[in-house]
Amino acid sequence: MTQDNGLTESQEDYLEAILAILEDKQAVRAKDIAKRLGVTGPSVTGALHVLSAKGVVNYAPYDVITLTKKGRKAAEDVARRHRVLKDFLTRVLGVSASEADVAACRMEHVLSPSVMRKIVDFLGLVDMCPDGGNDWICSVLRTFEEVEDPEGCRKCIERCLEQHRVQGSNPEPPERSSG
């Protein structure tokens, strides 16, 4: 699948790898990309020629590789989608970090911007929940096991969702109900 940026999944992976290497080493060479992605040198060279023609990388054989402004924007977008998805999978679904990383890498290319916005909004709800934060899923499970009034939890969730619909992505947390 191709994103709105006109790049294929593979091309996005190359840009994401280049960005990560730049953050680690300040300079990127084809061999660094090959090592990071587990591909051959000729594959990297071919991809860099295509990416250069698309105006997202500056590439010349045996020289350092840099991202253009357009390429940096695309790479940062892919990296952001990856972080959000990995965060969702680990924090909300309780998936292990390594499994979430692999799944996020595959999902980051195929989810539409509107689905990504919904995931970001949902993570915002998790953070706003009085029992939220990094231990949200454990907190929810514990709450449902310990709560004397499950109806109170349902009402709190409904208030959070209604407040979210009315105020957008950054509503104030509701008052915590006893129970």
N, C-alpha and C. Protein backbone atom coordinates (compact mmCIF):
# COMPACT_ATOMS: atom_id res chain seq x y z
N MET A 1 0.84 -1.19 0.00
CA MET A 1 0.00 0.00 0.00
C MET A 1 0.88 1.24 0.00
N THR A 2 0.45 2.26 -0.68
CA THR A 2 1.16 3.53 -0.72
C THR A 2 0.41 4.55 0.12
N GLN A 3 1.13 5.28 0.96
CA GLN A 3 0.54 6.33 1.78
C GLN A 3 0.29 7.55 0.91
N ASP A 4 -0.31 8.57 1.50
CA ASP A 4 -0.59 9.83 0.81
C ASP A 4 0.70 10.49 0.30
N ASN A 5 1.85 10.12 0.87
CA ASN A 5 3.11 10.75 0.48
C ASN A 5 3.69 10.20 -0.82
N GLY A 6 3.02 9.22 -1.43
CA GLY A 6 3.47 8.66 -2.70
C GLY A 6 4.60 7.65 -2.57
N LEU A 7 4.91 7.25 -1.35
CA LEU A 7 5.99 6.29 -1.11
C LEU A 7 5.42 4.92 -0.79
N THR A 8 6.13 3.89 -1.21
CA THR A 8 5.72 2.53 -0.88
C THR A 8 6.14 2.21 0.57
N GLU A 9 5.64 1.10 1.08
CA GLU A 9 6.03 0.67 2.43
C GLU A 9 7.55 0.52 2.54
N SER A 10 8.13 -0.10 1.55
CA SER A 10 9.58 -0.32 1.55
C SER A 10 10.33 1.02 1.57
N GLN A 11 9.87 1.95 0.76
CA GLN A 11 10.53 3.26 0.70
C GLN A 11 10.39 3.99 2.04
N GLU A 12 9.22 3.87 2.67
CA GLU A 12 9.05 4.47 3.99
C GLU A 12 9.99 3.83 5.00
N ASP A 13 10.17 2.51 4.90
CA ASP A 13 11.10 1.83 5.81
C ASP A 13 12.52 2.35 5.62
N TYR A 14 12.92 2.60 4.40
CA TYR A 14 14.25 3.15 4.14
C TYR A 14 14.39 4.53 4.78
N LEU A 15 13.38 5.38 4.60
CA LEU A 15 13.45 6.72 5.19
C LEU A 15 13.49 6.66 6.72
N GLU A 16 12.69 5.78 7.29
CA GLU A 16 12.68 5.61 8.75
C GLU A 16 14.04 5.14 9.24
N ALA A 17 14.66 4.22 8.51
CA ALA A 17 15.98 3.72 8.87
C ALA A 17 17.03 4.83 8.77
N ILE A 18 16.96 5.61 7.71
CA ILE A 18 17.92 6.71 7.54
C ILE A 18 17.79 7.69 8.69
N LEU A 19 16.55 8.04 9.05
CA LEU A 19 16.32 8.96 10.17
C LEU A 19 16.90 8.41 11.47
N ALA A 20 16.65 7.14 11.73
CA ALA A 20 17.16 6.52 12.96
C ALA A 20 18.69 6.51 12.99
N ILE A 21 19.30 6.20 11.87
CA ILE A 21 20.77 6.19 11.80
C ILE A 21 21.31 7.60 11.99
N LEU A 22 20.66 8.58 11.37
CA LEU A 22 21.08 9.98 11.54
C LEU A 22 21.03 10.39 13.01
N GLU A 23 20.01 9.94 13.71
CA GLU A 23 19.89 10.28 15.13
C GLU A 23 20.98 9.61 15.96
N ASP A 24 21.41 8.42 15.53
CA ASP A 24 22.45 7.68 16.25
C ASP A 24 23.86 8.15 15.89
N LYS A 25 24.11 8.33 14.60
CA LYS A 25 25.48 8.52 14.13
C LYS A 25 25.77 9.86 13.46
N GLN A 26 24.80 10.64 13.14
CA GLN A 26 24.96 11.92 12.46
C GLN A 26 25.35 11.79 10.98
N ALA A 27 25.72 10.61 10.53
CA ALA A 27 26.06 10.39 9.12
C ALA A 27 25.56 9.01 8.71
N VAL A 28 25.06 8.93 7.49
CA VAL A 28 24.49 7.67 7.01
C VAL A 28 25.20 7.25 5.73
N ARG A 29 25.59 6.00 5.71
CA ARG A 29 26.16 5.40 4.51
C ARG A 29 25.29 4.21 4.11
N ALA A 30 25.39 3.80 2.87
CA ALA A 30 24.57 2.71 2.36
C ALA A 30 24.74 1.44 3.20
N LYS A 31 25.98 1.16 3.64
CA LYS A 31 26.22 -0.06 4.43
C LYS A 31 25.48 -0.01 5.76
N ASP A 32 25.28 1.20 6.34
CA ASP A 32 24.54 1.34 7.59
C ASP A 32 23.07 0.96 7.37
N ILE A 33 22.53 1.40 6.25
CA ILE A 33 21.13 1.10 5.93
C ILE A 33 20.97 -0.40 5.69
N ALA A 34 21.90 -0.99 4.94
CA ALA A 34 21.84 -2.42 4.66
C ALA A 34 21.85 -3.23 5.96
N LYS A 35 22.72 -2.84 6.86
CA LYS A 35 22.83 -3.55 8.14
C LYS A 35 21.54 -3.40 8.95
N ARG A 36 21.03 -2.18 9.03
CA ARG A 36 19.83 -1.92 9.84
C ARG A 36 18.61 -2.66 9.29
N LEU A 37 18.46 -2.67 7.97
CA LEU A 37 17.28 -3.30 7.37
C LEU A 37 17.48 -4.77 7.02
N GLY A 38 18.70 -5.25 7.12
CA GLY A 38 18.96 -6.65 6.79
C GLY A 38 18.81 -6.95 5.31
N VAL A 39 19.27 -6.01 4.48
CA VAL A 39 19.18 -6.19 3.03
C VAL A 39 20.58 -6.09 2.44
N THR A 40 20.69 -6.37 1.15
CA THR A 40 22.00 -6.32 0.49
C THR A 40 22.35 -4.90 0.06
N GLY A 41 23.62 -4.69 -0.17
CA GLY A 41 24.11 -3.40 -0.66
C GLY A 41 23.45 -2.98 -1.97
N PRO A 42 23.37 -3.89 -2.96
CA PRO A 42 22.72 -3.51 -4.22
C PRO A 42 21.25 -3.12 -4.03
N SER A 43 20.55 -3.76 -3.09
CA SER A 43 19.16 -3.37 -2.81
C SER A 43 19.10 -1.95 -2.29
N VAL A 44 20.02 -1.61 -1.41
CA VAL A 44 20.07 -0.25 -0.85
C VAL A 44 20.36 0.75 -1.96
N THR A 45 21.33 0.44 -2.80
CA THR A 45 21.70 1.34 -3.88
C THR A 45 20.50 1.60 -4.80
N GLY A 46 19.78 0.54 -5.15
CA GLY A 46 18.60 0.70 -6.00
C GLY A 46 17.54 1.56 -5.34
N ALA A 47 17.30 1.31 -4.06
CA ALA A 47 16.30 2.09 -3.32
C ALA A 47 16.71 3.55 -3.22
N LEU A 48 18.00 3.79 -2.99
CA LEU A 48 18.47 5.18 -2.87
C LEU A 48 18.33 5.94 -4.18
N HIS A 49 18.54 5.26 -5.29
CA HIS A 49 18.35 5.91 -6.59
C HIS A 49 16.88 6.33 -6.76
N VAL A 50 15.97 5.44 -6.39
CA VAL A 50 14.54 5.75 -6.50
C VAL A 50 14.16 6.88 -5.54
N LEU A 51 14.65 6.79 -4.30
CA LEU A 51 14.33 7.82 -3.30
C LEU A 51 14.91 9.18 -3.70
N SER A 52 16.07 9.16 -4.31
CA SER A 52 16.68 10.39 -4.79
C SER A 52 15.84 10.99 -5.92
N ALA A 53 15.36 10.14 -6.82
CA ALA A 53 14.52 10.61 -7.93
C ALA A 53 13.20 11.18 -7.41
N LYS A 54 12.73 10.68 -6.28
CA LYS A 54 11.48 11.19 -5.69
C LYS A 54 11.73 12.45 -4.85
N GLY A 55 12.99 12.82 -4.71
CA GLY A 55 13.31 14.06 -4.01
C GLY A 55 13.26 13.97 -2.50
N VAL A 56 13.45 12.76 -1.96
CA VAL A 56 13.39 12.63 -0.50
C VAL A 56 14.75 12.36 0.15
N VAL A 57 15.74 11.99 -0.67
CA VAL A 57 17.10 11.83 -0.15
C VAL A 57 18.09 12.49 -1.10
N ASN A 58 19.22 12.87 -0.53
CA ASN A 58 20.36 13.31 -1.33
C ASN A 58 21.32 12.13 -1.33
N TYR A 59 21.60 11.62 -2.53
CA TYR A 59 22.43 10.42 -2.62
C TYR A 59 23.42 10.55 -3.77
N ALA A 60 24.66 10.21 -3.47
CA ALA A 60 25.70 10.04 -4.47
C ALA A 60 26.54 8.85 -4.01
N PRO A 61 26.91 7.96 -4.93
CA PRO A 61 27.68 6.79 -4.53
C PRO A 61 28.92 7.16 -3.69
N TYR A 62 29.15 6.38 -2.65
CA TYR A 62 30.30 6.51 -1.75
C TYR A 62 30.28 7.79 -0.92
N ASP A 63 29.17 8.48 -0.91
CA ASP A 63 29.07 9.70 -0.11
C ASP A 63 28.03 9.47 1.00
N VAL A 64 27.96 10.38 1.94
CA VAL A 64 26.94 10.26 2.99
C VAL A 64 25.57 10.54 2.39
N ILE A 65 24.57 9.95 3.01
CA ILE A 65 23.19 10.08 2.55
C ILE A 65 22.48 11.01 3.51
N THR A 66 21.74 11.96 2.97
CA THR A 66 20.97 12.87 3.82
C THR A 66 19.52 12.89 3.34
N LEU A 67 18.67 13.32 4.22
CA LEU A 67 17.26 13.49 3.90
C LEU A 67 17.02 14.92 3.41
N THR A 68 16.20 15.07 2.40
CA THR A 68 15.76 16.40 2.01
C THR A 68 14.71 16.85 3.02
N LYS A 69 14.28 18.07 2.92
CA LYS A 69 13.22 18.56 3.81
C LYS A 69 11.97 17.69 3.68
N LYS A 70 11.61 17.39 2.44
CA LYS A 70 10.45 16.52 2.16
C LYS A 70 10.68 15.11 2.73
N GLY A 71 11.90 14.60 2.57
CA GLY A 71 12.23 13.27 3.08
C GLY A 71 12.22 13.21 4.60
N ARG A 72 12.73 14.25 5.24
CA ARG A 72 12.73 14.30 6.71
C ARG A 72 11.30 14.31 7.23
N LYS A 73 10.44 15.10 6.58
CA LYS A 73 9.04 15.18 7.00
C LYS A 73 8.38 13.81 6.88
N ALA A 74 8.60 13.13 5.77
CA ALA A 74 8.02 11.80 5.56
C ALA A 74 8.58 10.80 6.56
N ALA A 75 9.89 10.83 6.80
CA ALA A 75 10.53 9.91 7.75
C ALA A 75 10.02 10.15 9.17
N GLU A 76 9.89 11.41 9.55
CA GLU A 76 9.39 11.71 10.90
C GLU A 76 7.94 11.27 11.06
N ASP A 77 7.16 11.37 10.00
CA ASP A 77 5.77 10.92 10.04
C ASP A 77 5.70 9.40 10.24
N VAL A 78 6.52 8.67 9.51
CA VAL A 78 6.55 7.20 9.65
C VAL A 78 6.99 6.84 11.07
N ALA A 79 8.03 7.49 11.56
CA ALA A 79 8.54 7.20 12.91
C ALA A 79 7.48 7.52 13.96
N ARG A 80 6.74 8.60 13.77
CA ARG A 80 5.68 8.97 14.71
C ARG A 80 4.57 7.91 14.71
N ARG A 81 4.16 7.50 13.51
CA ARG A 81 3.12 6.45 13.42
C ARG A 81 3.59 5.18 14.13
N HIS A 82 4.86 4.83 13.94
CA HIS A 82 5.42 3.64 14.57
C HIS A 82 5.36 3.77 16.10
N ARG A 83 5.80 4.92 16.61
CA ARG A 83 5.78 5.13 18.08
C ARG A 83 4.37 5.06 18.64
N VAL A 84 3.42 5.69 17.97
CA VAL A 84 2.03 5.69 18.45
C VAL A 84 1.48 4.27 18.46
N LEU A 85 1.69 3.53 17.39
CA LEU A 85 1.18 2.17 17.33
C LEU A 85 1.83 1.26 18.36
N LYS A 86 3.14 1.39 18.51
CA LYS A 86 3.83 0.58 19.51
C LYS A 86 3.32 0.93 20.91
N ASP A 87 3.12 2.20 21.17
CA ASP A 87 2.59 2.64 22.46
C ASP A 87 1.20 2.06 22.69
N PHE A 88 0.35 2.12 21.70
CA PHE A 88 -1.00 1.56 21.80
C PHE A 88 -0.95 0.06 22.08
N LEU A 89 -0.15 -0.64 21.33
CA LEU A 89 -0.08 -2.09 21.48
C LEU A 89 0.46 -2.51 22.84
N THR A 90 1.47 -1.80 23.33
CA THR A 90 2.05 -2.18 24.63
C THR A 90 1.19 -1.70 25.79
N ARG A 91 0.79 -0.44 25.78
CA ARG A 91 0.08 0.14 26.92
C ARG A 91 -1.36 -0.31 27.03
N VAL A 92 -2.05 -0.38 25.90
CA VAL A 92 -3.48 -0.67 25.94
C VAL A 92 -3.75 -2.16 25.81
N LEU A 93 -3.06 -2.81 24.89
CA LEU A 93 -3.33 -4.22 24.66
C LEU A 93 -2.41 -5.16 25.42
N GLY A 94 -1.36 -4.63 26.02
CA GLY A 94 -0.46 -5.46 26.82
C GLY A 94 0.44 -6.36 26.00
N VAL A 95 0.70 -5.99 24.75
CA VAL A 95 1.58 -6.77 23.88
C VAL A 95 3.02 -6.50 24.31
N SER A 96 3.88 -7.51 24.24
CA SER A 96 5.29 -7.32 24.60
C SER A 96 5.92 -6.28 23.68
N ALA A 97 6.94 -5.61 24.18
CA ALA A 97 7.60 -4.55 23.40
C ALA A 97 8.15 -5.06 22.08
N SER A 98 8.75 -6.24 22.09
CA SER A 98 9.34 -6.76 20.85
C SER A 98 8.27 -7.14 19.84
N GLU A 99 7.20 -7.75 20.30
CA GLU A 99 6.11 -8.11 19.38
C GLU A 99 5.41 -6.84 18.87
N ALA A 100 5.24 -5.86 19.75
CA ALA A 100 4.60 -4.61 19.36
C ALA A 100 5.44 -3.87 18.33
N ASP A 101 6.76 -3.92 18.46
CA ASP A 101 7.64 -3.26 17.51
C ASP A 101 7.47 -3.84 16.11
N VAL A 102 7.42 -5.17 16.02
CA VAL A 102 7.25 -5.84 14.73
C VAL A 102 5.88 -5.51 14.14
N ALA A 103 4.84 -5.60 14.97
CA ALA A 103 3.49 -5.32 14.48
C ALA A 103 3.34 -3.86 14.06
N ALA A 104 3.89 -2.94 14.85
CA ALA A 104 3.80 -1.52 14.53
C ALA A 104 4.48 -1.23 13.20
N CYS A 105 5.59 -1.91 12.93
CA CYS A 105 6.32 -1.71 11.67
C CYS A 105 5.44 -2.09 10.48
N ARG A 106 4.64 -3.09 10.64
CA ARG A 106 3.77 -3.51 9.54
C ARG A 106 2.53 -2.62 9.44
N MET A 107 1.98 -2.25 10.60
CA MET A 107 0.75 -1.47 10.63
C MET A 107 0.95 -0.01 10.22
N GLU A 108 2.11 0.53 10.50
CA GLU A 108 2.36 1.96 10.27
C GLU A 108 2.14 2.38 8.82
N HIS A 109 2.21 1.43 7.92
CA HIS A 109 2.10 1.73 6.49
C HIS A 109 0.67 1.65 5.96
N VAL A 110 -0.19 0.97 6.67
CA VAL A 110 -1.50 0.68 6.10
C VAL A 110 -2.67 1.39 6.77
N LEU A 111 -2.47 1.92 7.96
CA LEU A 111 -3.57 2.60 8.63
C LEU A 111 -3.74 4.01 8.07
N SER A 112 -4.98 4.36 7.84
CA SER A 112 -5.26 5.69 7.29
C SER A 112 -5.00 6.76 8.34
N PRO A 113 -4.82 7.98 7.90
CA PRO A 113 -4.63 9.08 8.86
C PRO A 113 -5.79 9.20 9.85
N SER A 114 -7.01 8.94 9.40
CA SER A 114 -8.14 9.06 10.32
C SER A 114 -8.10 7.96 11.39
N VAL A 115 -7.67 6.77 11.04
CA VAL A 115 -7.53 5.70 12.04
C VAL A 115 -6.41 6.05 13.02
N MET A 116 -5.31 6.59 12.50
CA MET A 116 -4.22 6.99 13.39
C MET A 116 -4.68 8.07 14.36
N ARG A 117 -5.48 9.03 13.87
CA ARG A 117 -6.01 10.08 14.77
C ARG A 117 -6.86 9.47 15.87
N LYS A 118 -7.67 8.48 15.52
CA LYS A 118 -8.53 7.82 16.52
C LYS A 118 -7.67 7.11 17.57
N ILE A 119 -6.58 6.48 17.15
CA ILE A 119 -5.70 5.80 18.09
C ILE A 119 -5.04 6.82 19.01
N VAL A 120 -4.57 7.93 18.45
CA VAL A 120 -3.97 9.00 19.25
C VAL A 120 -5.01 9.53 20.24
N ASP A 121 -6.23 9.75 19.77
CA ASP A 121 -7.29 10.24 20.66
C ASP A 121 -7.58 9.23 21.77
N PHE A 122 -7.59 7.95 21.42
CA PHE A 122 -7.85 6.93 22.44
C PHE A 122 -6.74 6.92 23.48
N LEU A 123 -5.50 7.04 23.04
CA LEU A 123 -4.40 7.10 24.00
C LEU A 123 -4.54 8.32 24.91
N GLY A 124 -5.07 9.39 24.36
CA GLY A 124 -5.36 10.57 25.17
C GLY A 124 -6.40 10.27 26.24
N LEU A 125 -7.41 9.50 25.87
CA LEU A 125 -8.42 9.09 26.85
C LEU A 125 -7.81 8.23 27.94
N VAL A 126 -6.92 7.33 27.54
CA VAL A 126 -6.24 6.48 28.52
C VAL A 126 -5.46 7.35 29.51
N ASP A 127 -4.76 8.34 29.00
CA ASP A 127 -3.97 9.22 29.86
C ASP A 127 -4.85 10.08 30.76
N MET A 128 -6.05 10.41 30.30
CA MET A 128 -6.92 11.27 31.08
C MET A 128 -7.70 10.49 32.13
N CYS A 129 -7.84 9.20 31.97
CA CYS A 129 -8.60 8.39 32.92
C CYS A 129 -7.99 8.52 34.32
N PRO A 130 -8.82 8.70 35.35
CA PRO A 130 -8.27 8.82 36.71
C PRO A 130 -7.39 7.64 37.12
N ASP A 131 -7.65 6.49 36.53
CA ASP A 131 -6.82 5.31 36.81
C ASP A 131 -5.87 5.04 35.66
N GLY A 132 -5.60 6.02 34.81
CA GLY A 132 -4.83 5.81 33.59
C GLY A 132 -3.34 5.84 33.79
N GLY A 133 -2.65 6.21 32.72
CA GLY A 133 -1.20 6.24 32.73
C GLY A 133 -0.63 4.96 32.17
N ASN A 134 0.64 4.72 32.46
CA ASN A 134 1.33 3.56 31.90
C ASN A 134 0.74 2.23 32.34
N ASP A 135 0.09 2.21 33.50
CA ASP A 135 -0.47 0.95 34.00
C ASP A 135 -1.97 0.87 33.73
N TRP A 136 -2.41 1.53 32.68
CA TRP A 136 -3.84 1.63 32.41
C TRP A 136 -4.52 0.29 32.35
N ILE A 137 -4.01 -0.62 31.55
CA ILE A 137 -4.70 -1.90 31.36
C ILE A 137 -4.77 -2.66 32.67
N CYS A 138 -3.69 -2.66 33.46
CA CYS A 138 -3.71 -3.33 34.76
C CYS A 138 -4.71 -2.64 35.68
N SER A 139 -4.74 -1.34 35.63
CA SER A 139 -5.65 -0.57 36.47
C SER A 139 -7.10 -0.89 36.12
N VAL A 140 -7.40 -0.97 34.82
CA VAL A 140 -8.76 -1.27 34.40
C VAL A 140 -9.14 -2.67 34.87
N LEU A 141 -8.26 -3.63 34.66
CA LEU A 141 -8.57 -5.00 35.09
C LEU A 141 -8.75 -5.07 36.60
N ARG A 142 -7.87 -4.40 37.34
CA ARG A 142 -7.97 -4.39 38.80
C ARG A 142 -9.26 -3.72 39.24
N THR A 143 -9.60 -2.61 38.59
CA THR A 143 -10.81 -1.88 38.95
C THR A 143 -12.03 -2.76 38.76
N PHE A 144 -12.11 -3.45 37.65
CA PHE A 144 -13.28 -4.29 37.40
C PHE A 144 -13.33 -5.49 38.35
N GLU A 145 -12.19 -5.94 38.83
CA GLU A 145 -12.18 -7.04 39.81
C GLU A 145 -12.57 -6.55 41.19
N GLU A 146 -12.15 -5.33 41.55
CA GLU A 146 -12.34 -4.83 42.90
C GLU A 146 -13.55 -3.94 43.08
N VAL A 147 -14.05 -3.38 42.00
CA VAL A 147 -15.11 -2.39 42.12
C VAL A 147 -16.39 -3.02 42.67
N GLU A 148 -17.01 -2.30 43.59
CA GLU A 148 -18.27 -2.78 44.15
C GLU A 148 -19.44 -2.33 43.29
N ASP A 149 -19.21 -1.31 42.47
CA ASP A 149 -20.28 -0.75 41.66
C ASP A 149 -19.84 -0.68 40.20
N PRO A 150 -19.90 -1.81 39.46
CA PRO A 150 -19.48 -1.78 38.05
C PRO A 150 -20.27 -0.76 37.24
N GLU A 151 -21.50 -0.48 37.65
CA GLU A 151 -22.31 0.51 36.95
C GLU A 151 -21.66 1.89 37.05
N GLY A 152 -20.99 2.17 38.19
CA GLY A 152 -20.27 3.44 38.36
C GLY A 152 -19.15 3.58 37.35
N CYS A 153 -18.42 2.50 37.07
CA CYS A 153 -17.36 2.52 36.06
C CYS A 153 -17.95 2.80 34.68
N ARG A 154 -19.06 2.14 34.38
CA ARG A 154 -19.70 2.35 33.08
C ARG A 154 -20.11 3.81 32.92
N LYS A 155 -20.68 4.38 33.98
CA LYS A 155 -21.10 5.77 33.93
C LYS A 155 -19.90 6.71 33.78
N CYS A 156 -18.80 6.42 34.46
CA CYS A 156 -17.59 7.23 34.36
C CYS A 156 -17.05 7.19 32.93
N ILE A 157 -17.03 6.00 32.35
CA ILE A 157 -16.54 5.85 30.98
C ILE A 157 -17.44 6.63 30.03
N GLU A 158 -18.76 6.54 30.23
CA GLU A 158 -19.68 7.29 29.38
C GLU A 158 -19.46 8.80 29.51
N ARG A 159 -19.21 9.28 30.74
CA ARG A 159 -18.93 10.70 30.94
C ARG A 159 -17.65 11.11 30.22
N CYS A 160 -16.62 10.26 30.32
CA CYS A 160 -15.35 10.56 29.63
C CYS A 160 -15.57 10.65 28.13
N LEU A 161 -16.28 9.68 27.58
CA LEU A 161 -16.53 9.67 26.14
C LEU A 161 -17.36 10.87 25.71
N GLU A 162 -18.39 11.21 26.48
CA GLU A 162 -19.21 12.37 26.14
C GLU A 162 -18.39 13.65 26.21
N GLN A 163 -17.59 13.78 27.24
CA GLN A 163 -16.74 14.96 27.39
C GLN A 163 -15.76 15.05 26.22
N HIS A 164 -15.25 13.90 25.81
CA HIS A 164 -14.32 13.85 24.68
C HIS A 164 -15.01 14.32 23.40
N ARG A 165 -16.24 13.86 23.19
CA ARG A 165 -16.99 14.26 21.99
C ARG A 165 -17.26 15.77 21.99
N VAL A 166 -17.56 16.32 23.15
CA VAL A 166 -17.90 17.73 23.25
C VAL A 166 -16.67 18.62 23.15
N GLN A 167 -15.58 18.24 23.85
CA GLN A 167 -14.41 19.11 23.95
C GLN A 167 -13.28 18.77 22.99
N GLY A 168 -13.37 17.67 22.31
CA GLY A 168 -12.28 17.29 21.41
C GLY A 168 -11.29 16.38 22.11
N SER A 169 -10.02 16.44 21.68
CA SER A 169 -9.00 15.50 22.13
C SER A 169 -8.44 15.77 23.50
N ASN A 170 -8.66 16.95 24.08
CA ASN A 170 -7.99 17.28 25.33
C ASN A 170 -8.97 17.68 26.44
N PRO A 171 -9.97 16.84 26.73
CA PRO A 171 -10.89 17.19 27.79
C PRO A 171 -10.26 17.07 29.16
N GLU A 172 -10.84 17.77 30.13
CA GLU A 172 -10.40 17.64 31.51
C GLU A 172 -10.87 16.30 32.05
N PRO A 173 -10.10 15.67 32.92
CA PRO A 173 -10.54 14.39 33.48
C PRO A 173 -11.80 14.62 34.32
N PRO A 174 -12.73 13.65 34.30
CA PRO A 174 -13.93 13.78 35.10
C PRO A 174 -13.60 13.57 36.58
N GLU A 175 -14.49 14.01 37.43
CA GLU A 175 -14.32 13.72 38.85
C GLU A 175 -14.43 12.22 39.04
N ARG A 176 -13.57 11.69 39.83
CA ARG A 176 -13.57 10.25 40.08
C ARG A 176 -14.73 9.91 41.00
N SER A 177 -15.53 8.94 40.54
CA SER A 177 -16.66 8.53 41.37
C SER A 177 -16.19 7.50 42.39
N SER A 178 -16.82 7.49 43.54
CA SER A 178 -16.44 6.49 44.52
C SER A 178 -17.11 5.20 44.16
N GLY A 179 -16.36 4.10 44.30
CA GLY A 179 -16.98 2.82 43.98
C GLY A 179 -16.16 2.01 43.16
